[in-house]
Amino acid sequence: MSMSEFYFLGKITRKFSFKGDLIIFLDTDEPSEYYHLDKIFIKIKDRYIPYFIEKIYPYKNNSIRVHFEDIDDEHEAKDLINKEIYLPTNSLPVLEGNKFYYHEIEGFKIKDKKVGELGSIKYVNDKSPQHLFVVDYNKKEILIPINDELIESINRKEKLINMNLPSGLIELYL
């Protein structure tokens, strides 16, 4: 399976016990949706390896405590610390309306109410406090804040996001 068939869910942050339990930070707004997982994929050397979950417990601060099958002590668990975890994209619920997953809208065109078509989304920058669409506009990279109030509609069939951007935002890049 290729990377496009998976989405990032979180990261194994530390050991919990001498019996091999691990703490996984979930990068999600709804950690409770993942309390019933039976399998996750751990990225090891650009491969996605399935790990089956024997027990899972809610933990604090968007985290879960997990005991994997065949991981029975802290030495075996230690090798998994700091590894990223993934799930298949086909396990995501389908979103409608103006809700979207970041990986879903890459390549969508952005159309502003005043300026018109701006270009295609290259990727989403989610490393800053304000998440941004990174758009290729006339061979220049422009940054557009992702904000519900700016998004008027999303047309998945046409791969188009209609926006009403603040006056002067696009002019900053010209």
C-alpha atoms as a PDB file:
ATOM      1  CA  MET A   1       0.000   0.000   0.000  1.00  0.00           C
ATOM      2  CA  SER A   2       1.188   3.504  -0.802  1.00  0.00           C
ATOM      3  CA  MET A   3       1.290   6.544   1.450  1.00  0.00           C
ATOM      4  CA  SER A   4      -1.790   8.020  -0.258  1.00  0.00           C
ATOM      5  CA  GLU A   5      -3.790   5.079   1.091  1.00  0.00           C
ATOM      6  CA  PHE A   6      -3.040   6.011   4.727  1.00  0.00           C
ATOM      7  CA  TYR A   7      -3.590   8.985   6.958  1.00  0.00           C
ATOM      8  CA  PHE A   8      -1.508  10.055   9.935  1.00  0.00           C
ATOM      9  CA  LEU A   9      -3.271   9.400  13.235  1.00  0.00           C
ATOM     10  CA  GLY A  10      -0.595   9.986  15.835  1.00  0.00           C
ATOM     11  CA  LYS A  11       2.668   8.959  17.399  1.00  0.00           C
ATOM     12  CA  ILE A  12       3.835   6.501  20.021  1.00  0.00           C
ATOM     13  CA  THR A  13       5.260   8.741  22.727  1.00  0.00           C
ATOM     14  CA  ARG A  14       6.444   6.498  25.548  1.00  0.00           C
ATOM     15  CA  LYS A  15       6.255   3.215  27.452  1.00  0.00           C
ATOM     16  CA  PHE A  16       3.610   2.841  30.113  1.00  0.00           C
ATOM     17  CA  SER A  17       4.580  -0.312  31.975  1.00  0.00           C
ATOM     18  CA  PHE A  18       7.045  -3.144  32.162  1.00  0.00           C
ATOM     19  CA  LYS A  19       4.422  -5.355  30.428  1.00  0.00           C
ATOM     20  CA  GLY A  20       4.843  -3.597  27.064  1.00  0.00           C
ATOM     21  CA  ASP A  21       1.999  -1.067  27.158  1.00  0.00           C
ATOM     22  CA  LEU A  22       2.571   2.090  25.137  1.00  0.00           C
ATOM     23  CA  ILE A  23       1.102   5.595  25.134  1.00  0.00           C
ATOM     24  CA  ILE A  24      -0.026   6.911  21.746  1.00  0.00           C
ATOM     25  CA  PHE A  25      -0.802  10.577  21.186  1.00  0.00           C
ATOM     26  CA  LEU A  26      -3.756  10.902  18.778  1.00  0.00           C
ATOM     27  CA  ASP A  27      -3.624  13.931  16.486  1.00  0.00           C
ATOM     28  CA  THR A  28      -7.396  14.353  16.359  1.00  0.00           C
ATOM     29  CA  ASP A  29     -10.175  16.482  17.792  1.00  0.00           C
ATOM     30  CA  GLU A  30     -12.178  13.369  18.711  1.00  0.00           C
ATOM     31  CA  PRO A  31      -9.896  10.803  20.411  1.00  0.00           C
ATOM     32  CA  SER A  32     -12.911   8.815  21.651  1.00  0.00           C
ATOM     33  CA  GLU A  33     -13.624   7.756  18.051  1.00  0.00           C
ATOM     34  CA  TYR A  34     -10.463   5.637  18.222  1.00  0.00           C
ATOM     35  CA  TYR A  35     -11.035   3.859  21.539  1.00  0.00           C
ATOM     36  CA  HIS A  36     -12.224   0.720  19.755  1.00  0.00           C
ATOM     37  CA  LEU A  37      -9.431   0.156  17.238  1.00  0.00           C
ATOM     38  CA  ASP A  38      -8.344  -3.416  16.679  1.00  0.00           C
ATOM     39  CA  LYS A  39      -5.401  -2.642  14.393  1.00  0.00           C
ATOM     40  CA  ILE A  40      -3.121   0.258  13.491  1.00  0.00           C
ATOM     41  CA  PHE A  41      -0.254   0.615  11.039  1.00  0.00           C
ATOM     42  CA  ILE A  42       3.169   1.726  12.211  1.00  0.00           C
ATOM     43  CA  LYS A  43       5.471   3.367   9.695  1.00  0.00           C
ATOM     44  CA  ILE A  44       8.831   1.620   9.758  1.00  0.00           C
ATOM     45  CA  LYS A  45      11.371   2.411   7.021  1.00  0.00           C
ATOM     46  CA  ASP A  46       8.699   3.753   4.618  1.00  0.00           C
ATOM     47  CA  ARG A  47       6.525   0.656   5.079  1.00  0.00           C
ATOM     48  CA  TYR A  48       3.234   0.414   6.920  1.00  0.00           C
ATOM     49  CA  ILE A  49       3.331  -2.586   9.246  1.00  0.00           C
ATOM     50  CA  PRO A  50       0.062  -3.745  10.872  1.00  0.00           C
ATOM     51  CA  TYR A  51       0.029  -4.122  14.644  1.00  0.00           C
ATOM     52  CA  PHE A  52      -2.950  -5.781  16.274  1.00  0.00           C
ATOM     53  CA  ILE A  53      -4.323  -4.298  19.476  1.00  0.00           C
ATOM     54  CA  GLU A  54      -5.028  -6.613  22.381  1.00  0.00           C
ATOM     55  CA  LYS A  55      -6.215  -3.921  24.808  1.00  0.00           C
ATOM     56  CA  ILE A  56      -6.855  -0.205  24.503  1.00  0.00           C
ATOM     57  CA  TYR A  57      -7.607   2.302  27.261  1.00  0.00           C
ATOM     58  CA  PRO A  58      -8.422   6.018  27.167  1.00  0.00           C
ATOM     59  CA  TYR A  59      -5.579   8.070  28.583  1.00  0.00           C
ATOM     60  CA  LYS A  60      -5.127  11.788  29.205  1.00  0.00           C
ATOM     61  CA  ASN A  61      -4.545  14.670  26.777  1.00  0.00           C
ATOM     62  CA  ASN A  62      -5.682  13.063  23.496  1.00  0.00           C
ATOM     63  CA  SER A  63      -3.790   9.877  24.242  1.00  0.00           C
ATOM     64  CA  ILE A  64      -4.560   6.196  24.515  1.00  0.00           C
ATOM     65  CA  ARG A  65      -2.777   3.374  26.309  1.00  0.00           C
ATOM     66  CA  VAL A  66      -2.335   0.336  24.085  1.00  0.00           C
ATOM     67  CA  HIS A  67      -1.167  -3.228  24.515  1.00  0.00           C
ATOM     68  CA  PHE A  68      -0.273  -4.892  21.200  1.00  0.00           C
ATOM     69  CA  GLU A  69      -0.412  -8.602  20.528  1.00  0.00           C
ATOM     70  CA  ASP A  70       3.074 -10.152  20.717  1.00  0.00           C
ATOM     71  CA  ILE A  71       4.590  -7.184  22.608  1.00  0.00           C
ATOM     72  CA  ASP A  72       4.959  -8.544  26.113  1.00  0.00           C
ATOM     73  CA  ASP A  73       7.697  -6.534  27.782  1.00  0.00           C
ATOM     74  CA  GLU A  74       9.203  -3.077  27.918  1.00  0.00           C
ATOM     75  CA  HIS A  75      12.232  -4.069  25.813  1.00  0.00           C
ATOM     76  CA  GLU A  76      10.046  -5.058  22.850  1.00  0.00           C
ATOM     77  CA  ALA A  77       7.918  -1.927  23.311  1.00  0.00           C
ATOM     78  CA  LYS A  78      10.960   0.379  23.471  1.00  0.00           C
ATOM     79  CA  ASP A  79      11.687  -0.085  19.753  1.00  0.00           C
ATOM     80  CA  LEU A  80       8.292   1.433  18.863  1.00  0.00           C
ATOM     81  CA  ILE A  81       8.691   4.706  20.774  1.00  0.00           C
ATOM     82  CA  ASN A  82       8.577   7.780  18.490  1.00  0.00           C
ATOM     83  CA  LYS A  83       7.108   5.790  15.594  1.00  0.00           C
ATOM     84  CA  GLU A  84       4.206   7.337  13.671  1.00  0.00           C
ATOM     85  CA  ILE A  85       0.908   5.490  13.449  1.00  0.00           C
ATOM     86  CA  TYR A  86      -1.500   5.436  10.525  1.00  0.00           C
ATOM     87  CA  LEU A  87      -4.871   4.103   9.467  1.00  0.00           C
ATOM     88  CA  PRO A  88      -6.170   3.365   5.956  1.00  0.00           C
ATOM     89  CA  THR A  89      -7.936   6.339   4.355  1.00  0.00           C
ATOM     90  CA  ASN A  90     -10.866   4.102   3.443  1.00  0.00           C
ATOM     91  CA  SER A  91     -11.639   3.817   7.179  1.00  0.00           C
ATOM     92  CA  LEU A  92     -12.443   7.539   7.404  1.00  0.00           C
ATOM     93  CA  PRO A  93     -16.101   8.569   7.470  1.00  0.00           C
ATOM     94  CA  VAL A  94     -17.210  10.467   4.365  1.00  0.00           C
ATOM     95  CA  LEU A  95     -17.495  14.201   5.024  1.00  0.00           C
ATOM     96  CA  GLU A  96     -20.045  16.412   3.333  1.00  0.00           C
ATOM     97  CA  GLY A  97     -20.709  20.108   2.938  1.00  0.00           C
ATOM     98  CA  ASN A  98     -17.842  22.400   3.877  1.00  0.00           C
ATOM     99  CA  LYS A  99     -16.051  19.811   6.024  1.00  0.00           C
ATOM    100  CA  PHE A 100     -12.978  18.132   4.536  1.00  0.00           C
ATOM    101  CA  TYR A 101      -9.836  16.201   5.299  1.00  0.00           C
ATOM    102  CA  TYR A 102      -6.582  17.939   4.423  1.00  0.00           C
ATOM    103  CA  HIS A 103      -5.344  15.066   2.258  1.00  0.00           C
ATOM    104  CA  GLU A 104      -8.659  15.085   0.369  1.00  0.00           C
ATOM    105  CA  ILE A 105      -8.419  18.641  -1.004  1.00  0.00           C
ATOM    106  CA  GLU A 106      -4.877  18.605  -2.380  1.00  0.00           C
ATOM    107  CA  GLY A 107      -5.171  19.568  -6.044  1.00  0.00           C
ATOM    108  CA  PHE A 108      -8.509  21.348  -5.568  1.00  0.00           C
ATOM    109  CA  LYS A 109      -8.739  24.770  -7.217  1.00  0.00           C
ATOM    110  CA  ILE A 110      -9.388  27.857  -5.107  1.00  0.00           C
ATOM    111  CA  LYS A 111     -11.796  30.443  -6.482  1.00  0.00           C
ATOM    112  CA  ASP A 112     -12.197  33.794  -4.722  1.00  0.00           C
ATOM    113  CA  LYS A 113     -15.494  35.684  -4.970  1.00  0.00           C
ATOM    114  CA  LYS A 114     -13.734  38.916  -6.020  1.00  0.00           C
ATOM    115  CA  VAL A 115     -10.504  37.841  -7.772  1.00  0.00           C
ATOM    116  CA  GLY A 116     -11.705  34.647  -9.469  1.00  0.00           C
ATOM    117  CA  GLU A 117      -9.702  31.443  -9.855  1.00  0.00           C
ATOM    118  CA  LEU A 118      -6.417  31.563  -7.952  1.00  0.00           C
ATOM    119  CA  GLY A 119      -4.807  28.184  -8.587  1.00  0.00           C
ATOM    120  CA  SER A 120      -4.538  24.711  -7.123  1.00  0.00           C
ATOM    121  CA  ILE A 121      -3.805  23.657  -3.560  1.00  0.00           C
ATOM    122  CA  LYS A 122      -0.303  22.162  -3.451  1.00  0.00           C
ATOM    123  CA  TYR A 123      -0.629  21.069   0.180  1.00  0.00           C
ATOM    124  CA  VAL A 124      -1.925  22.177   3.556  1.00  0.00           C
ATOM    125  CA  ASN A 125       0.540  23.689   6.013  1.00  0.00           C
ATOM    126  CA  ASP A 126      -0.681  22.455   9.380  1.00  0.00           C
ATOM    127  CA  LYS A 127       2.600  23.106  11.215  1.00  0.00           C
ATOM    128  CA  SER A 128       1.711  26.693  12.123  1.00  0.00           C
ATOM    129  CA  PRO A 129      -0.930  27.834  14.624  1.00  0.00           C
ATOM    130  CA  GLN A 130      -3.083  29.037  11.696  1.00  0.00           C
ATOM    131  CA  HIS A 131      -3.433  26.224   9.174  1.00  0.00           C
ATOM    132  CA  LEU A 132      -2.956  27.391   5.588  1.00  0.00           C
ATOM    133  CA  PHE A 133      -3.743  26.353   2.032  1.00  0.00           C
ATOM    134  CA  VAL A 134      -0.503  26.578   0.046  1.00  0.00           C
ATOM    135  CA  VAL A 135      -1.650  27.529  -3.450  1.00  0.00           C
ATOM    136  CA  ASP A 136       0.265  27.726  -6.719  1.00  0.00           C
ATOM    137  CA  TYR A 137      -0.852  31.088  -8.171  1.00  0.00           C
ATOM    138  CA  ASN A 138       0.807  32.239 -11.415  1.00  0.00           C
ATOM    139  CA  LYS A 139       3.993  30.348 -10.495  1.00  0.00           C
ATOM    140  CA  LYS A 140       4.023  31.998  -7.055  1.00  0.00           C
ATOM    141  CA  GLU A 141       3.217  30.332  -3.780  1.00  0.00           C
ATOM    142  CA  ILE A 142       0.467  32.067  -1.847  1.00  0.00           C
ATOM    143  CA  LEU A 143      -0.823  31.231   1.620  1.00  0.00           C
ATOM    144  CA  ILE A 144      -4.532  31.311   2.367  1.00  0.00           C
ATOM    145  CA  PRO A 145      -5.810  30.872   5.921  1.00  0.00           C
ATOM    146  CA  ILE A 146      -8.147  27.931   6.451  1.00  0.00           C
ATOM    147  CA  ASN A 147     -11.121  29.468   8.168  1.00  0.00           C
ATOM    148  CA  ASP A 148     -14.760  28.336   8.069  1.00  0.00           C
ATOM    149  CA  GLU A 149     -15.925  31.919   7.619  1.00  0.00           C
ATOM    150  CA  LEU A 150     -13.861  32.321   4.433  1.00  0.00           C
ATOM    151  CA  ILE A 151     -15.034  29.073   2.778  1.00  0.00           C
ATOM    152  CA  GLU A 152     -18.359  29.557   0.993  1.00  0.00           C
ATOM    153  CA  SER A 153     -18.695  26.106  -0.563  1.00  0.00           C
ATOM    154  CA  ILE A 154     -16.820  22.994  -1.630  1.00  0.00           C
ATOM    155  CA  ASN A 155     -17.611  21.209  -4.879  1.00  0.00           C
ATOM    156  CA  ARG A 156     -15.976  17.794  -4.651  1.00  0.00           C
ATOM    157  CA  LYS A 157     -17.099  16.772  -8.138  1.00  0.00           C
ATOM    158  CA  GLU A 158     -15.385  19.761  -9.751  1.00  0.00           C
ATOM    159  CA  LYS A 159     -12.565  19.801  -7.162  1.00  0.00           C
ATOM    160  CA  LEU A 160     -13.257  23.441  -6.356  1.00  0.00           C
ATOM    161  CA  ILE A 161     -13.321  25.475  -3.136  1.00  0.00           C
ATOM    162  CA  ASN A 162     -15.216  28.774  -3.385  1.00  0.00           C
ATOM    163  CA  MET A 163     -13.956  31.381  -0.942  1.00  0.00           C
ATOM    164  CA  ASN A 164     -14.637  34.968   0.055  1.00  0.00           C
ATOM    165  CA  LEU A 165     -11.158  36.212   0.954  1.00  0.00           C
ATOM    166  CA  PRO A 166     -10.445  39.492   2.768  1.00  0.00           C
ATOM    167  CA  SER A 167      -9.657  42.443   0.554  1.00  0.00           C
ATOM    168  CA  GLY A 168      -5.936  42.872  -0.012  1.00  0.00           C
ATOM    169  CA  LEU A 169      -4.890  39.306   0.848  1.00  0.00           C
ATOM    170  CA  ILE A 170      -4.065  38.261  -2.726  1.00  0.00           C
ATOM    171  CA  GLU A 171      -2.538  41.655  -3.516  1.00  0.00           C
ATOM    172  CA  LEU A 172       0.118  40.959  -0.853  1.00  0.00           C
ATOM    173  CA  TYR A 173       1.590  38.368  -3.233  1.00  0.00           C
ATOM    174  CA  LEU A 174       1.497  40.460  -6.419  1.00  0.00           C
END
